[in-house]
Amino acid sequence: MQYFTLIGGFLGFILTLGVSILTEKDLVTSVFNATVGCVITGLLFCGFRFIAERCAKQVVAERTRIRDEEIGAEQAAQASQDNSDHEKSAPV
């Protein structure tokens, strides 16, 4: 994920340059278009990275919450069982 924006910019540059050359634009216009495509695609990939990281954090937080609830339920069940065992073994 460290080079996600860089790779996106590179892909944008290569794809835009290729399309500009295939449409028979001159080299200066093609390189200018590729530069603009590089910046725009790099920013898009940066946004995608931000969204992916935020979603991953939400998934981790949700799984942690579910795990904590399960541990709490197990502890409550164990405590309930210990209390019932203690009451059965105590003389009346």
C-alpha atoms as a PDB file:
ATOM      1  CA  MET A   1       0.000   0.000   0.000  1.00  0.00           C
ATOM      2  CA  GLN A   2       3.020   2.271   0.342  1.00  0.00           C
ATOM      3  CA  TYR A   3       3.384   2.824  -3.405  1.00  0.00           C
ATOM      4  CA  PHE A   4      -0.303   2.631  -4.317  1.00  0.00           C
ATOM      5  CA  THR A   5      -0.536   6.286  -5.416  1.00  0.00           C
ATOM      6  CA  LEU A   6       2.738   6.062  -7.326  1.00  0.00           C
ATOM      7  CA  ILE A   7       1.639   2.947  -9.197  1.00  0.00           C
ATOM      8  CA  GLY A   8      -1.710   4.585  -9.993  1.00  0.00           C
ATOM      9  CA  GLY A   9       0.021   7.659 -11.380  1.00  0.00           C
ATOM     10  CA  PHE A  10       2.349   5.516 -13.455  1.00  0.00           C
ATOM     11  CA  LEU A  11      -0.552   3.520 -14.881  1.00  0.00           C
ATOM     12  CA  GLY A  12      -2.427   6.733 -15.663  1.00  0.00           C
ATOM     13  CA  PHE A  13       0.611   8.151 -17.431  1.00  0.00           C
ATOM     14  CA  ILE A  14       1.211   5.023 -19.515  1.00  0.00           C
ATOM     15  CA  LEU A  15      -2.442   4.529 -20.463  1.00  0.00           C
ATOM     16  CA  THR A  16      -3.027   8.183 -21.346  1.00  0.00           C
ATOM     17  CA  LEU A  17       0.212   8.365 -23.323  1.00  0.00           C
ATOM     18  CA  GLY A  18      -0.713   5.204 -25.222  1.00  0.00           C
ATOM     19  CA  VAL A  19      -4.186   6.463 -26.071  1.00  0.00           C
ATOM     20  CA  SER A  20      -2.855   9.870 -27.138  1.00  0.00           C
ATOM     21  CA  ILE A  21      -0.263   8.281 -29.415  1.00  0.00           C
ATOM     22  CA  LEU A  22      -2.837   5.881 -30.883  1.00  0.00           C
ATOM     23  CA  THR A  23      -5.099   8.826 -31.726  1.00  0.00           C
ATOM     24  CA  GLU A  24      -2.166  10.310 -33.660  1.00  0.00           C
ATOM     25  CA  LYS A  25      -1.623  13.403 -31.508  1.00  0.00           C
ATOM     26  CA  ASP A  26       1.786  15.035 -31.632  1.00  0.00           C
ATOM     27  CA  LEU A  27       4.353  14.095 -28.981  1.00  0.00           C
ATOM     28  CA  VAL A  28       4.127  17.324 -26.962  1.00  0.00           C
ATOM     29  CA  THR A  29       0.352  17.087 -26.653  1.00  0.00           C
ATOM     30  CA  SER A  30       0.580  13.384 -25.844  1.00  0.00           C
ATOM     31  CA  VAL A  31       3.090  13.955 -23.034  1.00  0.00           C
ATOM     32  CA  PHE A  32       1.021  16.846 -21.644  1.00  0.00           C
ATOM     33  CA  ASN A  33      -2.133  14.696 -21.683  1.00  0.00           C
ATOM     34  CA  ALA A  34      -0.180  11.852 -20.058  1.00  0.00           C
ATOM     35  CA  THR A  35       1.006  14.208 -17.302  1.00  0.00           C
ATOM     36  CA  VAL A  36      -2.534  15.325 -16.589  1.00  0.00           C
ATOM     37  CA  GLY A  37      -3.685  11.689 -16.649  1.00  0.00           C
ATOM     38  CA  CYS A  38      -0.875  10.796 -14.248  1.00  0.00           C
ATOM     39  CA  VAL A  39      -1.945  13.413 -11.696  1.00  0.00           C
ATOM     40  CA  ILE A  40      -5.652  12.603 -11.938  1.00  0.00           C
ATOM     41  CA  THR A  41      -5.154   8.823 -11.737  1.00  0.00           C
ATOM     42  CA  GLY A  42      -2.689   9.222  -8.864  1.00  0.00           C
ATOM     43  CA  LEU A  43      -5.259  11.238  -6.916  1.00  0.00           C
ATOM     44  CA  LEU A  44      -7.963   8.661  -7.680  1.00  0.00           C
ATOM     45  CA  PHE A  45      -5.757   5.831  -6.439  1.00  0.00           C
ATOM     46  CA  CYS A  46      -4.967   7.870  -3.322  1.00  0.00           C
ATOM     47  CA  GLY A  47      -8.708   8.189  -2.684  1.00  0.00           C
ATOM     48  CA  PHE A  48      -9.226   4.471  -3.278  1.00  0.00           C
ATOM     49  CA  ARG A  49      -6.448   3.721  -0.798  1.00  0.00           C
ATOM     50  CA  PHE A  50      -8.061   5.970   1.813  1.00  0.00           C
ATOM     51  CA  ILE A  51     -11.437   4.262   1.352  1.00  0.00           C
ATOM     52  CA  ALA A  52      -9.878   0.777   1.489  1.00  0.00           C
ATOM     53  CA  GLU A  53      -7.997   1.596   4.707  1.00  0.00           C
ATOM     54  CA  ARG A  54     -11.123   3.020   6.324  1.00  0.00           C
ATOM     55  CA  CYS A  55     -13.140  -0.079   5.392  1.00  0.00           C
ATOM     56  CA  ALA A  56     -10.404  -2.349   6.720  1.00  0.00           C
ATOM     57  CA  LYS A  57     -10.364  -0.465  10.030  1.00  0.00           C
ATOM     58  CA  GLN A  58     -14.143  -0.826  10.308  1.00  0.00           C
ATOM     59  CA  VAL A  59     -13.934  -4.575   9.647  1.00  0.00           C
ATOM     60  CA  VAL A  60     -11.227  -5.006  12.280  1.00  0.00           C
ATOM     61  CA  ALA A  61     -13.209  -2.956  14.805  1.00  0.00           C
ATOM     62  CA  GLU A  62     -16.372  -4.977  14.133  1.00  0.00           C
ATOM     63  CA  ARG A  63     -14.558  -8.306  14.487  1.00  0.00           C
ATOM     64  CA  THR A  64     -12.932  -7.109  17.709  1.00  0.00           C
ATOM     65  CA  ARG A  65     -16.311  -6.049  19.090  1.00  0.00           C
ATOM     66  CA  ILE A  66     -17.867  -9.415  18.206  1.00  0.00           C
ATOM     67  CA  ARG A  67     -14.949 -11.290  19.763  1.00  0.00           C
ATOM     68  CA  ASP A  68     -15.200  -9.199  22.947  1.00  0.00           C
ATOM     69  CA  GLU A  69     -18.940  -9.909  23.156  1.00  0.00           C
ATOM     70  CA  GLU A  70     -18.317 -13.638  22.755  1.00  0.00           C
ATOM     71  CA  ILE A  71     -15.632 -13.594  25.459  1.00  0.00           C
ATOM     72  CA  GLY A  72     -17.968 -11.657  27.766  1.00  0.00           C
ATOM     73  CA  ALA A  73     -20.783 -14.140  27.163  1.00  0.00           C
ATOM     74  CA  GLU A  74     -18.456 -17.061  27.894  1.00  0.00           C
ATOM     75  CA  GLN A  75     -17.255 -15.424  31.099  1.00  0.00           C
ATOM     76  CA  ALA A  76     -20.842 -14.710  32.178  1.00  0.00           C
ATOM     77  CA  ALA A  77     -21.840 -18.311  31.476  1.00  0.00           C
ATOM     78  CA  GLN A  78     -18.821 -19.576  33.408  1.00  0.00           C
ATOM     79  CA  ALA A  79     -19.610 -17.289  36.344  1.00  0.00           C
ATOM     80  CA  SER A  80     -23.248 -18.410  36.291  1.00  0.00           C
ATOM     81  CA  GLN A  81     -22.185 -22.048  36.260  1.00  0.00           C
ATOM     82  CA  ASP A  82     -19.728 -21.462  39.123  1.00  0.00           C
ATOM     83  CA  ASN A  83     -22.449 -19.777  41.186  1.00  0.00           C
ATOM     84  CA  SER A  84     -24.918 -22.620  40.595  1.00  0.00           C
ATOM     85  CA  ASP A  85     -22.245 -25.218  41.474  1.00  0.00           C
ATOM     86  CA  HIS A  86     -21.404 -23.286  44.630  1.00  0.00           C
ATOM     87  CA  GLU A  87     -25.060 -23.102  45.701  1.00  0.00           C
ATOM     88  CA  LYS A  88     -25.563 -26.843  45.144  1.00  0.00           C
ATOM     89  CA  SER A  89     -22.534 -27.789  47.206  1.00  0.00           C
ATOM     90  CA  ALA A  90     -23.288 -25.426  50.135  1.00  0.00           C
ATOM     91  CA  PRO A  91     -25.063 -27.073  53.116  1.00  0.00           C
ATOM     92  CA  VAL A  92     -28.503 -25.733  53.982  1.00  0.00           C
END
